[in-house]
Amino acid sequence: MTLEHGVKVSIAVCDAGGSLLAFNRIEGASAVSAIVSQGKAAASAGFGRASGALQADSPVIQAIIANMGGRMLPAQGAVPLHKNGELVGAIGGSGATAQQDEECAQAGSAGL
C-alpha cells in the first residue's frame, strides 16, 4: 500500500512497552489517524499479536486498556515486530480501511 494506491495513512512504530519510537503521517491523512495508529501499535506490542486479533469486548482486555490509560486500541491495523524470536515492538497504521491499515503495517514490518 502506497500513495500510488491512493492510501493516506499514519504509521506508528513502538517498542515492546508501547512507547512511540517513530511516527509518520502522510500528507492528507486524517488527523485522528495519528492517534489511532499509535493506539493500534501499542495494543499489538502489549499483547504480542496483531491488534485485530484482540477481542475488544473482553472484560480482561478492557481492564488492561483502562489500566494503561486508554492508550491501546484493539482494532485491526497493527502487527507485532519480532527480532530473533523476541517481541521488540509493533507497527500500526490508520487512515484507510482496517484491512489496508494492516497491509501497510505488514509491509512496514517486512521492511524493518
PDB file of N, CA and C in Angstrom:
ATOM      1  N   MET A   1       0.837  -1.177   0.000  1.00  0.00           N
ATOM      2  CA  MET A   1       0.000   0.000   0.000  1.00  0.00           C
ATOM      3  C   MET A   1       0.882   1.241   0.000  1.00  0.00           C
ATOM      4  N   THR A   2       0.671   2.073  -0.939  1.00  0.00           N
ATOM      5  CA  THR A   2       1.442   3.303  -1.041  1.00  0.00           C
ATOM      6  C   THR A   2       0.540   4.429  -1.511  1.00  0.00           C
ATOM      7  N   LEU A   3       1.122   5.579  -1.646  1.00  0.00           N
ATOM      8  CA  LEU A   3       0.367   6.701  -2.186  1.00  0.00           C
ATOM      9  C   LEU A   3      -0.147   6.396  -3.592  1.00  0.00           C
ATOM     10  N   GLU A   4       0.574   5.548  -4.326  1.00  0.00           N
ATOM     11  CA  GLU A   4       0.109   5.188  -5.665  1.00  0.00           C
ATOM     12  C   GLU A   4      -1.233   4.489  -5.616  1.00  0.00           C
ATOM     13  N   HIS A   5      -1.534   3.869  -4.473  1.00  0.00           N
ATOM     14  CA  HIS A   5      -2.811   3.181  -4.295  1.00  0.00           C
ATOM     15  C   HIS A   5      -3.884   4.130  -3.754  1.00  0.00           C
ATOM     16  N   GLY A   6      -3.538   5.386  -3.557  1.00  0.00           N
ATOM     17  CA  GLY A   6      -4.495   6.354  -3.039  1.00  0.00           C
ATOM     18  C   GLY A   6      -4.713   6.256  -1.543  1.00  0.00           C
ATOM     19  N   VAL A   7      -3.829   5.572  -0.853  1.00  0.00           N
ATOM     20  CA  VAL A   7      -3.963   5.379   0.590  1.00  0.00           C
ATOM     21  C   VAL A   7      -3.132   6.423   1.309  1.00  0.00           C
ATOM     22  N   LYS A   8      -3.766   7.151   2.206  1.00  0.00           N
ATOM     23  CA  LYS A   8      -3.082   8.170   3.001  1.00  0.00           C
ATOM     24  C   LYS A   8      -3.222   7.779   4.461  1.00  0.00           C
ATOM     25  N   VAL A   9      -2.123   7.321   5.038  1.00  0.00           N
ATOM     26  CA  VAL A   9      -2.174   6.764   6.389  1.00  0.00           C
ATOM     27  C   VAL A   9      -1.149   7.406   7.311  1.00  0.00           C
ATOM     28  N   SER A  10      -1.370   7.170   8.577  1.00  0.00           N
ATOM     29  CA  SER A  10      -0.369   7.453   9.597  1.00  0.00           C
ATOM     30  C   SER A  10       0.203   6.119  10.011  1.00  0.00           C
ATOM     31  N   ILE A  11       1.503   6.098  10.260  1.00  0.00           N
ATOM     32  CA  ILE A  11       2.184   4.873  10.668  1.00  0.00           C
ATOM     33  C   ILE A  11       2.936   5.154  11.964  1.00  0.00           C
ATOM     34  N   ALA A  12       2.746   4.280  12.945  1.00  0.00           N
ATOM     35  CA  ALA A  12       3.428   4.407  14.233  1.00  0.00           C
ATOM     36  C   ALA A  12       4.212   3.135  14.519  1.00  0.00           C
ATOM     37  N   VAL A  13       5.415   3.305  15.035  1.00  0.00           N
ATOM     38  CA  VAL A  13       6.254   2.183  15.461  1.00  0.00           C
ATOM     39  C   VAL A  13       6.529   2.378  16.944  1.00  0.00           C
ATOM     40  N   CYS A  14       6.303   1.331  17.722  1.00  0.00           N
ATOM     41  CA  CYS A  14       6.559   1.439  19.159  1.00  0.00           C
ATOM     42  C   CYS A  14       7.426   0.278  19.622  1.00  0.00           C
ATOM     43  N   ASP A  15       7.987   0.434  20.812  1.00  0.00           N
ATOM     44  CA  ASP A  15       8.786  -0.635  21.397  1.00  0.00           C
ATOM     45  C   ASP A  15       7.862  -1.643  22.084  1.00  0.00           C
ATOM     46  N   ALA A  16       8.435  -2.658  22.692  1.00  0.00           N
ATOM     47  CA  ALA A  16       7.644  -3.715  23.319  1.00  0.00           C
ATOM     48  C   ALA A  16       6.781  -3.197  24.459  1.00  0.00           C
ATOM     49  N   GLY A  17       7.124  -2.072  25.032  1.00  0.00           N
ATOM     50  CA  GLY A  17       6.331  -1.473  26.099  1.00  0.00           C
ATOM     51  C   GLY A  17       5.265  -0.526  25.598  1.00  0.00           C
ATOM     52  N   GLY A  18       5.162  -0.363  24.291  1.00  0.00           N
ATOM     53  CA  GLY A  18       4.152   0.506  23.708  1.00  0.00           C
ATOM     54  C   GLY A  18       4.559   1.958  23.592  1.00  0.00           C
ATOM     55  N   SER A  19       5.815   2.278  23.888  1.00  0.00           N
ATOM     56  CA  SER A  19       6.295   3.658  23.771  1.00  0.00           C
ATOM     57  C   SER A  19       6.649   3.959  22.315  1.00  0.00           C
ATOM     58  N   LEU A  20       6.224   5.109  21.841  1.00  0.00           N
ATOM     59  CA  LEU A  20       6.426   5.504  20.463  1.00  0.00           C
ATOM     60  C   LEU A  20       7.915   5.681  20.145  1.00  0.00           C
ATOM     61  N   LEU A  21       8.360   5.040  19.067  1.00  0.00           N
ATOM     62  CA  LEU A  21       9.742   5.158  18.600  1.00  0.00           C
ATOM     63  C   LEU A  21       9.827   5.989  17.321  1.00  0.00           C
ATOM     64  N   ALA A  22       8.843   5.810  16.435  1.00  0.00           N
ATOM     65  CA  ALA A  22       8.842   6.526  15.155  1.00  0.00           C
ATOM     66  C   ALA A  22       7.405   6.727  14.712  1.00  0.00           C
ATOM     67  N   PHE A  23       7.197   7.818  13.982  1.00  0.00           N
ATOM     68  CA  PHE A  23       5.850   8.134  13.528  1.00  0.00           C
ATOM     69  C   PHE A  23       5.916   8.943  12.236  1.00  0.00           C
ATOM     70  N   ASN A  24       4.958   8.688  11.338  1.00  0.00           N
ATOM     71  CA  ASN A  24       4.846   9.493  10.132  1.00  0.00           C
ATOM     72  C   ASN A  24       3.380   9.547   9.705  1.00  0.00           C
ATOM     73  N   ARG A  25       2.916  10.749   9.408  1.00  0.00           N
ATOM     74  CA  ARG A  25       1.569  10.923   8.869  1.00  0.00           C
ATOM     75  C   ARG A  25       1.720  11.463   7.459  1.00  0.00           C
ATOM     76  N   ILE A  26       1.275  10.670   6.493  1.00  0.00           N
ATOM     77  CA  ILE A  26       1.342  11.089   5.101  1.00  0.00           C
ATOM     78  C   ILE A  26       0.455  12.319   4.920  1.00  0.00           C
ATOM     79  N   GLU A  27       0.943  13.281   4.160  1.00  0.00           N
ATOM     80  CA  GLU A  27       0.157  14.484   3.910  1.00  0.00           C
ATOM     81  C   GLU A  27      -1.212  14.093   3.357  1.00  0.00           C
ATOM     82  N   GLY A  28      -2.239  14.613   3.989  1.00  0.00           N
ATOM     83  CA  GLY A  28      -3.606  14.307   3.583  1.00  0.00           C
ATOM     84  C   GLY A  28      -4.273  13.235   4.419  1.00  0.00           C
ATOM     85  N   ALA A  29      -3.493  12.528   5.243  1.00  0.00           N
ATOM     86  CA  ALA A  29      -4.094  11.539   6.152  1.00  0.00           C
ATOM     87  C   ALA A  29      -4.854  12.297   7.237  1.00  0.00           C
ATOM     88  N   SER A  30      -5.935  11.719   7.700  1.00  0.00           N
ATOM     89  CA  SER A  30      -6.751  12.401   8.707  1.00  0.00           C
ATOM     90  C   SER A  30      -5.964  12.604   9.998  1.00  0.00           C
ATOM     91  N   ALA A  31      -6.280  13.677  10.688  1.00  0.00           N
ATOM     92  CA  ALA A  31      -5.590  13.987  11.939  1.00  0.00           C
ATOM     93  C   ALA A  31      -5.813  12.899  12.984  1.00  0.00           C
ATOM     94  N   VAL A  32      -7.004  12.342  13.043  1.00  0.00           N
ATOM     95  CA  VAL A  32      -7.290  11.314  14.045  1.00  0.00           C
ATOM     96  C   VAL A  32      -6.496  10.035  13.769  1.00  0.00           C
ATOM     97  N   SER A  33      -6.107   9.815  12.522  1.00  0.00           N
ATOM     98  CA  SER A  33      -5.335   8.609  12.202  1.00  0.00           C
ATOM     99  C   SER A  33      -4.006   8.578  12.963  1.00  0.00           C
ATOM    100  N   ALA A  34      -3.501   9.737  13.332  1.00  0.00           N
ATOM    101  CA  ALA A  34      -2.248   9.798  14.096  1.00  0.00           C
ATOM    102  C   ALA A  34      -2.416   9.122  15.449  1.00  0.00           C
ATOM    103  N   ILE A  35      -3.495   9.408  16.119  1.00  0.00           N
ATOM    104  CA  ILE A  35      -3.759   8.822  17.443  1.00  0.00           C
ATOM    105  C   ILE A  35      -4.122   7.349  17.317  1.00  0.00           C
ATOM    106  N   VAL A  36      -4.932   7.028  16.321  1.00  0.00           N
ATOM    107  CA  VAL A  36      -5.387   5.655  16.136  1.00  0.00           C
ATOM    108  C   VAL A  36      -4.221   4.729  15.814  1.00  0.00           C
ATOM    109  N   SER A  37      -3.318   5.150  14.943  1.00  0.00           N
ATOM    110  CA  SER A  37      -2.181   4.288  14.580  1.00  0.00           C
ATOM    111  C   SER A  37      -1.324   3.979  15.802  1.00  0.00           C
ATOM    112  N   GLN A  38      -1.147   4.959  16.671  1.00  0.00           N
ATOM    113  CA  GLN A  38      -0.360   4.746  17.889  1.00  0.00           C
ATOM    114  C   GLN A  38      -1.071   3.800  18.844  1.00  0.00           C
ATOM    115  N   GLY A  39      -2.395   3.919  18.957  1.00  0.00           N
ATOM    116  CA  GLY A  39      -3.158   3.026  19.821  1.00  0.00           C
ATOM    117  C   GLY A  39      -3.140   1.594  19.339  1.00  0.00           C
ATOM    118  N   LYS A  40      -3.238   1.413  18.030  1.00  0.00           N
ATOM    119  CA  LYS A  40      -3.175   0.067  17.462  1.00  0.00           C
ATOM    120  C   LYS A  40      -1.800  -0.551  17.695  1.00  0.00           C
ATOM    121  N   ALA A  41      -0.745   0.221  17.472  1.00  0.00           N
ATOM    122  CA  ALA A  41       0.612  -0.291  17.673  1.00  0.00           C
ATOM    123  C   ALA A  41       0.846  -0.648  19.140  1.00  0.00           C
ATOM    124  N   ALA A  42       0.394   0.193  20.058  1.00  0.00           N
ATOM    125  CA  ALA A  42       0.564  -0.082  21.487  1.00  0.00           C
ATOM    126  C   ALA A  42      -0.169  -1.358  21.888  1.00  0.00           C
ATOM    127  N   ALA A  43      -1.371  -1.579  21.344  1.00  0.00           N
ATOM    128  CA  ALA A  43      -2.125  -2.797  21.644  1.00  0.00           C
ATOM    129  C   ALA A  43      -1.415  -4.029  21.111  1.00  0.00           C
ATOM    130  N   SER A  44      -0.911  -3.936  19.885  1.00  0.00           N
ATOM    131  CA  SER A  44      -0.207  -5.067  19.291  1.00  0.00           C
ATOM    132  C   SER A  44       1.048  -5.416  20.085  1.00  0.00           C
ATOM    133  N   ALA A  45       1.796  -4.400  20.477  1.00  0.00           N
ATOM    134  CA  ALA A  45       3.007  -4.647  21.266  1.00  0.00           C
ATOM    135  C   ALA A  45       2.649  -5.191  22.651  1.00  0.00           C
ATOM    136  N   GLY A  46       1.647  -4.614  23.263  1.00  0.00           N
ATOM    137  CA  GLY A  46       1.272  -5.020  24.617  1.00  0.00           C
ATOM    138  C   GLY A  46       0.808  -6.459  24.716  1.00  0.00           C
ATOM    139  N   PHE A  47       0.095  -6.904  23.701  1.00  0.00           N
ATOM    140  CA  PHE A  47      -0.441  -8.262  23.727  1.00  0.00           C
ATOM    141  C   PHE A  47       0.363  -9.235  22.870  1.00  0.00           C
ATOM    142  N   GLY A  48       1.329  -8.720  22.091  1.00  0.00           N
ATOM    143  CA  GLY A  48       2.201  -9.583  21.302  1.00  0.00           C
ATOM    144  C   GLY A  48       1.535 -10.262  20.129  1.00  0.00           C
ATOM    145  N   ARG A  49       0.482  -9.660  19.617  1.00  0.00           N
ATOM    146  CA  ARG A  49      -0.197 -10.221  18.441  1.00  0.00           C
ATOM    147  C   ARG A  49      -0.831  -9.090  17.639  1.00  0.00           C
ATOM    148  N   ALA A  50      -1.339  -9.432  16.480  1.00  0.00           N
ATOM    149  CA  ALA A  50      -1.974  -8.411  15.644  1.00  0.00           C
ATOM    150  C   ALA A  50      -3.121  -7.765  16.411  1.00  0.00           C
ATOM    151  N   SER A  51      -3.238  -6.463  16.301  1.00  0.00           N
ATOM    152  CA  SER A  51      -4.265  -5.746  17.059  1.00  0.00           C
ATOM    153  C   SER A  51      -5.674  -6.185  16.672  1.00  0.00           C
ATOM    154  N   GLY A  52      -5.872  -6.603  15.448  1.00  0.00           N
ATOM    155  CA  GLY A  52      -7.181  -7.071  15.012  1.00  0.00           C
ATOM    156  C   GLY A  52      -7.562  -8.416  15.588  1.00  0.00           C
ATOM    157  N   ALA A  53      -6.595  -9.146  16.128  1.00  0.00           N
ATOM    158  CA  ALA A  53      -6.867 -10.455  16.725  1.00  0.00           C
ATOM    159  C   ALA A  53      -7.336 -10.339  18.173  1.00  0.00           C
ATOM    160  N   LEU A  54      -7.308  -9.137  18.711  1.00  0.00           N
ATOM    161  CA  LEU A  54      -7.709  -8.934  20.099  1.00  0.00           C
ATOM    162  C   LEU A  54      -9.224  -8.842  20.201  1.00  0.00           C
ATOM    163  N   GLN A  55      -9.773  -9.475  21.209  1.00  0.00           N
ATOM    164  CA  GLN A  55     -11.213  -9.449  21.433  1.00  0.00           C
ATOM    165  C   GLN A  55     -11.556  -8.164  22.186  1.00  0.00           C
ATOM    166  N   ALA A  56     -11.971  -7.151  21.448  1.00  0.00           N
ATOM    167  CA  ALA A  56     -12.177  -5.814  22.009  1.00  0.00           C
ATOM    168  C   ALA A  56     -13.198  -5.774  23.135  1.00  0.00           C
ATOM    169  N   ASP A  57     -14.166  -6.667  23.111  1.00  0.00           N
ATOM    170  CA  ASP A  57     -15.202  -6.637  24.150  1.00  0.00           C
ATOM    171  C   ASP A  57     -14.877  -7.519  25.356  1.00  0.00           C
ATOM    172  N   SER A  58     -13.686  -8.085  25.394  1.00  0.00           N
ATOM    173  CA  SER A  58     -13.271  -8.902  26.537  1.00  0.00           C
ATOM    174  C   SER A  58     -13.101  -8.022  27.774  1.00  0.00           C
ATOM    175  N   PRO A  59     -13.710  -8.398  28.898  1.00  0.00           N
ATOM    176  CA  PRO A  59     -13.537  -7.608  30.120  1.00  0.00           C
ATOM    177  C   PRO A  59     -12.071  -7.508  30.550  1.00  0.00           C
ATOM    178  N   VAL A  60     -11.303  -8.556  30.322  1.00  0.00           N
ATOM    179  CA  VAL A  60      -9.887  -8.545  30.696  1.00  0.00           C
ATOM    180  C   VAL A  60      -9.135  -7.530  29.841  1.00  0.00           C
ATOM    181  N   ILE A  61      -9.357  -7.570  28.535  1.00  0.00           N
ATOM    182  CA  ILE A  61      -8.674  -6.628  27.640  1.00  0.00           C
ATOM    183  C   ILE A  61      -9.111  -5.202  27.951  1.00  0.00           C
ATOM    184  N   GLN A  62     -10.395  -5.008  28.197  1.00  0.00           N
ATOM    185  CA  GLN A  62     -10.884  -3.677  28.539  1.00  0.00           C
ATOM    186  C   GLN A  62     -10.254  -3.171  29.837  1.00  0.00           C
ATOM    187  N   ALA A  63     -10.090  -4.049  30.816  1.00  0.00           N
ATOM    188  CA  ALA A  63      -9.464  -3.649  32.088  1.00  0.00           C
ATOM    189  C   ALA A  63      -7.999  -3.274  31.887  1.00  0.00           C
ATOM    190  N   ILE A  64      -7.297  -4.029  31.059  1.00  0.00           N
ATOM    191  CA  ILE A  64      -5.891  -3.719  30.788  1.00  0.00           C
ATOM    192  C   ILE A  64      -5.778  -2.384  30.065  1.00  0.00           C
ATOM    193  N   ILE A  65      -6.637  -2.164  29.081  1.00  0.00           N
ATOM    194  CA  ILE A  65      -6.619  -0.902  28.342  1.00  0.00           C
ATOM    195  C   ILE A  65      -6.894   0.267  29.289  1.00  0.00           C
ATOM    196  N   ALA A  66      -7.877   0.109  30.159  1.00  0.00           N
ATOM    197  CA  ALA A  66      -8.193   1.166  31.134  1.00  0.00           C
ATOM    198  C   ALA A  66      -7.018   1.412  32.063  1.00  0.00           C
ATOM    199  N   ASN A  67      -6.374   0.339  32.493  1.00  0.00           N
ATOM    200  CA  ASN A  67      -5.229   0.451  33.394  1.00  0.00           C
ATOM    201  C   ASN A  67      -4.037   1.118  32.716  1.00  0.00           C
ATOM    202  N   MET A  68      -3.969   1.019  31.395  1.00  0.00           N
ATOM    203  CA  MET A  68      -2.892   1.650  30.623  1.00  0.00           C
ATOM    204  C   MET A  68      -3.273   3.069  30.205  1.00  0.00           C
ATOM    205  N   GLY A  69      -4.325   3.592  30.768  1.00  0.00           N
ATOM    206  CA  GLY A  69      -4.737   4.957  30.468  1.00  0.00           C
ATOM    207  C   GLY A  69      -5.426   5.113  29.119  1.00  0.00           C
ATOM    208  N   GLY A  70      -5.946   4.016  28.580  1.00  0.00           N
ATOM    209  CA  GLY A  70      -6.662   4.080  27.306  1.00  0.00           C
ATOM    210  C   GLY A  70      -5.773   4.211  26.087  1.00  0.00           C
ATOM    211  N   ARG A  71      -4.464   3.988  26.249  1.00  0.00           N
ATOM    212  CA  ARG A  71      -3.521   4.153  25.127  1.00  0.00           C
ATOM    213  C   ARG A  71      -3.643   3.075  24.061  1.00  0.00           C
ATOM    214  N   MET A  72      -4.198   1.928  24.411  1.00  0.00           N
ATOM    215  CA  MET A  72      -4.271   0.812  23.470  1.00  0.00           C
ATOM    216  C   MET A  72      -5.599   0.806  22.730  1.00  0.00           C
ATOM    217  N   LEU A  73      -5.558   0.411  21.462  1.00  0.00           N
ATOM    218  CA  LEU A  73      -6.763   0.311  20.655  1.00  0.00           C
ATOM    219  C   LEU A  73      -6.802  -1.063  19.989  1.00  0.00           C
ATOM    220  N   PRO A  74      -7.686  -1.946  20.447  1.00  0.00           N
ATOM    221  CA  PRO A  74      -7.757  -3.293  19.881  1.00  0.00           C
ATOM    222  C   PRO A  74      -8.574  -3.322  18.592  1.00  0.00           C
ATOM    223  N   ALA A  75      -8.028  -2.773  17.526  1.00  0.00           N
ATOM    224  CA  ALA A  75      -8.690  -2.732  16.227  1.00  0.00           C
ATOM    225  C   ALA A  75      -7.679  -3.119  15.154  1.00  0.00           C
ATOM    226  N   GLN A  76      -8.140  -3.733  14.095  1.00  0.00           N
ATOM    227  CA  GLN A  76      -7.246  -4.201  13.030  1.00  0.00           C
ATOM    228  C   GLN A  76      -6.418  -3.066  12.462  1.00  0.00           C
ATOM    229  N   GLY A  77      -5.114  -3.354  12.270  1.00  0.00           N
ATOM    230  CA  GLY A  77      -4.241  -2.372  11.638  1.00  0.00           C
ATOM    231  C   GLY A  77      -2.823  -2.363  12.146  1.00  0.00           C
ATOM    232  N   ALA A  78      -2.492  -3.209  13.131  1.00  0.00           N
ATOM    233  CA  ALA A  78      -1.120  -3.251  13.651  1.00  0.00           C
ATOM    234  C   ALA A  78      -0.650  -4.686  13.775  1.00  0.00           C
ATOM    235  N   VAL A  79       0.651  -4.858  13.630  1.00  0.00           N
ATOM    236  CA  VAL A  79       1.264  -6.180  13.766  1.00  0.00           C
ATOM    237  C   VAL A  79       2.485  -6.085  14.675  1.00  0.00           C
ATOM    238  N   PRO A  80       2.751  -7.157  15.424  1.00  0.00           N
ATOM    239  CA  PRO A  80       3.925  -7.146  16.296  1.00  0.00           C
ATOM    240  C   PRO A  80       5.216  -7.268  15.491  1.00  0.00           C
ATOM    241  N   LEU A  81       6.294  -6.780  16.074  1.00  0.00           N
ATOM    242  CA  LEU A  81       7.623  -6.890  15.479  1.00  0.00           C
ATOM    243  C   LEU A  81       8.462  -7.825  16.337  1.00  0.00           C
ATOM    244  N   HIS A  82       9.072  -8.792  15.700  1.00  0.00           N
ATOM    245  CA  HIS A  82       9.921  -9.752  16.400  1.00  0.00           C
ATOM    246  C   HIS A  82      11.338  -9.697  15.832  1.00  0.00           C
ATOM    247  N   LYS A  83      12.289  -9.890  16.707  1.00  0.00           N
ATOM    248  CA  LYS A  83      13.690  -9.995  16.295  1.00  0.00           C
ATOM    249  C   LYS A  83      14.271 -11.203  17.014  1.00  0.00           C
ATOM    250  N   ASN A  84      14.796 -12.136  16.245  1.00  0.00           N
ATOM    251  CA  ASN A  84      15.342 -13.381  16.802  1.00  0.00           C
ATOM    252  C   ASN A  84      14.330 -14.068  17.705  1.00  0.00           C
ATOM    253  N   GLY A  85      13.050 -14.039  17.290  1.00  0.00           N
ATOM    254  CA  GLY A  85      12.001 -14.707  18.032  1.00  0.00           C
ATOM    255  C   GLY A  85      11.490 -13.956  19.252  1.00  0.00           C
ATOM    256  N   GLU A  86      12.022 -12.781  19.506  1.00  0.00           N
ATOM    257  CA  GLU A  86      11.627 -11.998  20.679  1.00  0.00           C
ATOM    258  C   GLU A  86      10.801 -10.785  20.252  1.00  0.00           C
ATOM    259  N   LEU A  87       9.716 -10.527  20.977  1.00  0.00           N
ATOM    260  CA  LEU A  87       8.888  -9.363  20.711  1.00  0.00           C
ATOM    261  C   LEU A  87       9.680  -8.102  21.029  1.00  0.00           C
ATOM    262  N   VAL A  88       9.825  -7.224  20.035  1.00  0.00           N
ATOM    263  CA  VAL A  88      10.580  -5.980  20.242  1.00  0.00           C
ATOM    264  C   VAL A  88       9.715  -4.735  20.048  1.00  0.00           C
ATOM    265  N   GLY A  89       8.483  -4.919  19.581  1.00  0.00           N
ATOM    266  CA  GLY A  89       7.612  -3.775  19.380  1.00  0.00           C
ATOM    267  C   GLY A  89       6.488  -4.106  18.434  1.00  0.00           C
ATOM    268  N   ALA A  90       5.947  -3.052  17.810  1.00  0.00           N
ATOM    269  CA  ALA A  90       4.855  -3.235  16.859  1.00  0.00           C
ATOM    270  C   ALA A  90       4.808  -2.045  15.917  1.00  0.00           C
ATOM    271  N   ILE A  91       4.128  -2.251  14.805  1.00  0.00           N
ATOM    272  CA  ILE A  91       3.914  -1.184  13.834  1.00  0.00           C
ATOM    273  C   ILE A  91       2.424  -1.146  13.517  1.00  0.00           C
ATOM    274  N   GLY A  92       1.857   0.057  13.524  1.00  0.00           N
ATOM    275  CA  GLY A  92       0.428   0.202  13.278  1.00  0.00           C
ATOM    276  C   GLY A  92       0.139   1.285  12.269  1.00  0.00           C
ATOM    277  N   GLY A  93      -0.936   1.081  11.524  1.00  0.00           N
ATOM    278  CA  GLY A  93      -1.363   2.053  10.547  1.00  0.00           C
ATOM    279  C   GLY A  93      -2.808   2.440  10.751  1.00  0.00           C
ATOM    280  N   SER A  94      -3.158   3.625  10.274  1.00  0.00           N
ATOM    281  CA  SER A  94      -4.540   4.091  10.335  1.00  0.00           C
ATOM    282  C   SER A  94      -4.753   5.147   9.259  1.00  0.00           C
ATOM    283  N   GLY A  95      -5.959   5.189   8.729  1.00  0.00           N
ATOM    284  CA  GLY A  95      -6.310   6.195   7.746  1.00  0.00           C
ATOM    285  C   GLY A  95      -7.004   5.612   6.530  1.00  0.00           C
ATOM    286  N   ALA A  96      -6.894   4.323   6.339  1.00  0.00           N
ATOM    287  CA  ALA A  96      -7.544   3.645   5.220  1.00  0.00           C
ATOM    288  C   ALA A  96      -8.550   2.651   5.804  1.00  0.00           C
ATOM    289  N   THR A  97      -8.908   1.626   5.069  1.00  0.00           N
ATOM    290  CA  THR A  97      -9.753   0.588   5.655  1.00  0.00           C
ATOM    291  C   THR A  97      -8.907  -0.201   6.656  1.00  0.00           C
ATOM    292  N   ALA A  98      -9.556  -0.922   7.542  1.00  0.00           N
ATOM    293  CA  ALA A  98      -8.821  -1.710   8.526  1.00  0.00           C
ATOM    294  C   ALA A  98      -7.878  -2.698   7.847  1.00  0.00           C
ATOM    295  N   GLN A  99      -8.341  -3.345   6.791  1.00  0.00           N
ATOM    296  CA  GLN A  99      -7.510  -4.304   6.063  1.00  0.00           C
ATOM    297  C   GLN A  99      -6.310  -3.607   5.424  1.00  0.00           C
ATOM    298  N   GLN A 100      -6.530  -2.445   4.825  1.00  0.00           N
ATOM    299  CA  GLN A 100      -5.427  -1.699   4.220  1.00  0.00           C
ATOM    300  C   GLN A 100      -4.451  -1.208   5.278  1.00  0.00           C
ATOM    301  N   ASP A 101      -4.963  -0.792   6.434  1.00  0.00           N
ATOM    302  CA  ASP A 101      -4.085  -0.379   7.530  1.00  0.00           C
ATOM    303  C   ASP A 101      -3.157  -1.523   7.917  1.00  0.00           C
ATOM    304  N   GLU A 102      -3.729  -2.724   8.042  1.00  0.00           N
ATOM    305  CA  GLU A 102      -2.908  -3.880   8.419  1.00  0.00           C
ATOM    306  C   GLU A 102      -1.912  -4.239   7.319  1.00  0.00           C
ATOM    307  N   GLU A 103      -2.328  -4.143   6.079  1.00  0.00           N
ATOM    308  CA  GLU A 103      -1.410  -4.424   4.968  1.00  0.00           C
ATOM    309  C   GLU A 103      -0.245  -3.434   4.961  1.00  0.00           C
ATOM    310  N   CYS A 104      -0.511  -2.181   5.270  1.00  0.00           N
ATOM    311  CA  CYS A 104       0.562  -1.180   5.374  1.00  0.00           C
ATOM    312  C   CYS A 104       1.511  -1.541   6.509  1.00  0.00           C
ATOM    313  N   ALA A 105       0.942  -1.943   7.643  1.00  0.00           N
ATOM    314  CA  ALA A 105       1.766  -2.341   8.788  1.00  0.00           C
ATOM    315  C   ALA A 105       2.623  -3.562   8.449  1.00  0.00           C
ATOM    316  N   GLN A 106       2.035  -4.527   7.766  1.00  0.00           N
ATOM    317  CA  GLN A 106       2.790  -5.722   7.371  1.00  0.00           C
ATOM    318  C   GLN A 106       3.909  -5.370   6.408  1.00  0.00           C
ATOM    319  N   ALA A 107       3.640  -4.463   5.479  1.00  0.00           N
ATOM    320  CA  ALA A 107       4.674  -4.036   4.533  1.00  0.00           C
ATOM    321  C   ALA A 107       5.805  -3.328   5.280  1.00  0.00           C
ATOM    322  N   GLY A 108       5.448  -2.483   6.237  1.00  0.00           N
ATOM    323  CA  GLY A 108       6.460  -1.802   7.046  1.00  0.00           C
ATOM    324  C   GLY A 108       7.275  -2.785   7.857  1.00  0.00           C
ATOM    325  N   SER A 109       6.603  -3.776   8.410  1.00  0.00           N
ATOM    326  CA  SER A 109       7.286  -4.810   9.200  1.00  0.00           C
ATOM    327  C   SER A 109       8.292  -5.564   8.349  1.00  0.00           C
ATOM    328  N   ALA A 110       7.898  -5.871   7.127  1.00  0.00           N
ATOM    329  CA  ALA A 110       8.796  -6.595   6.226  1.00  0.00           C
ATOM    330  C   ALA A 110      10.028  -5.767   5.868  1.00  0.00           C
ATOM    331  N   GLY A 111       9.880  -4.457   5.901  1.00  0.00           N
ATOM    332  CA  GLY A 111      10.994  -3.573   5.559  1.00  0.00           C
ATOM    333  C   GLY A 111      11.944  -3.285   6.698  1.00  0.00           C
ATOM    334  N   LEU A 112      11.599  -3.715   7.896  1.00  0.00           N
ATOM    335  CA  LEU A 112      12.472  -3.446   9.053  1.00  0.00           C
ATOM    336  C   LEU A 112      13.461  -4.549   9.307  1.00  0.00           C
TER     337      LEU A 112
END
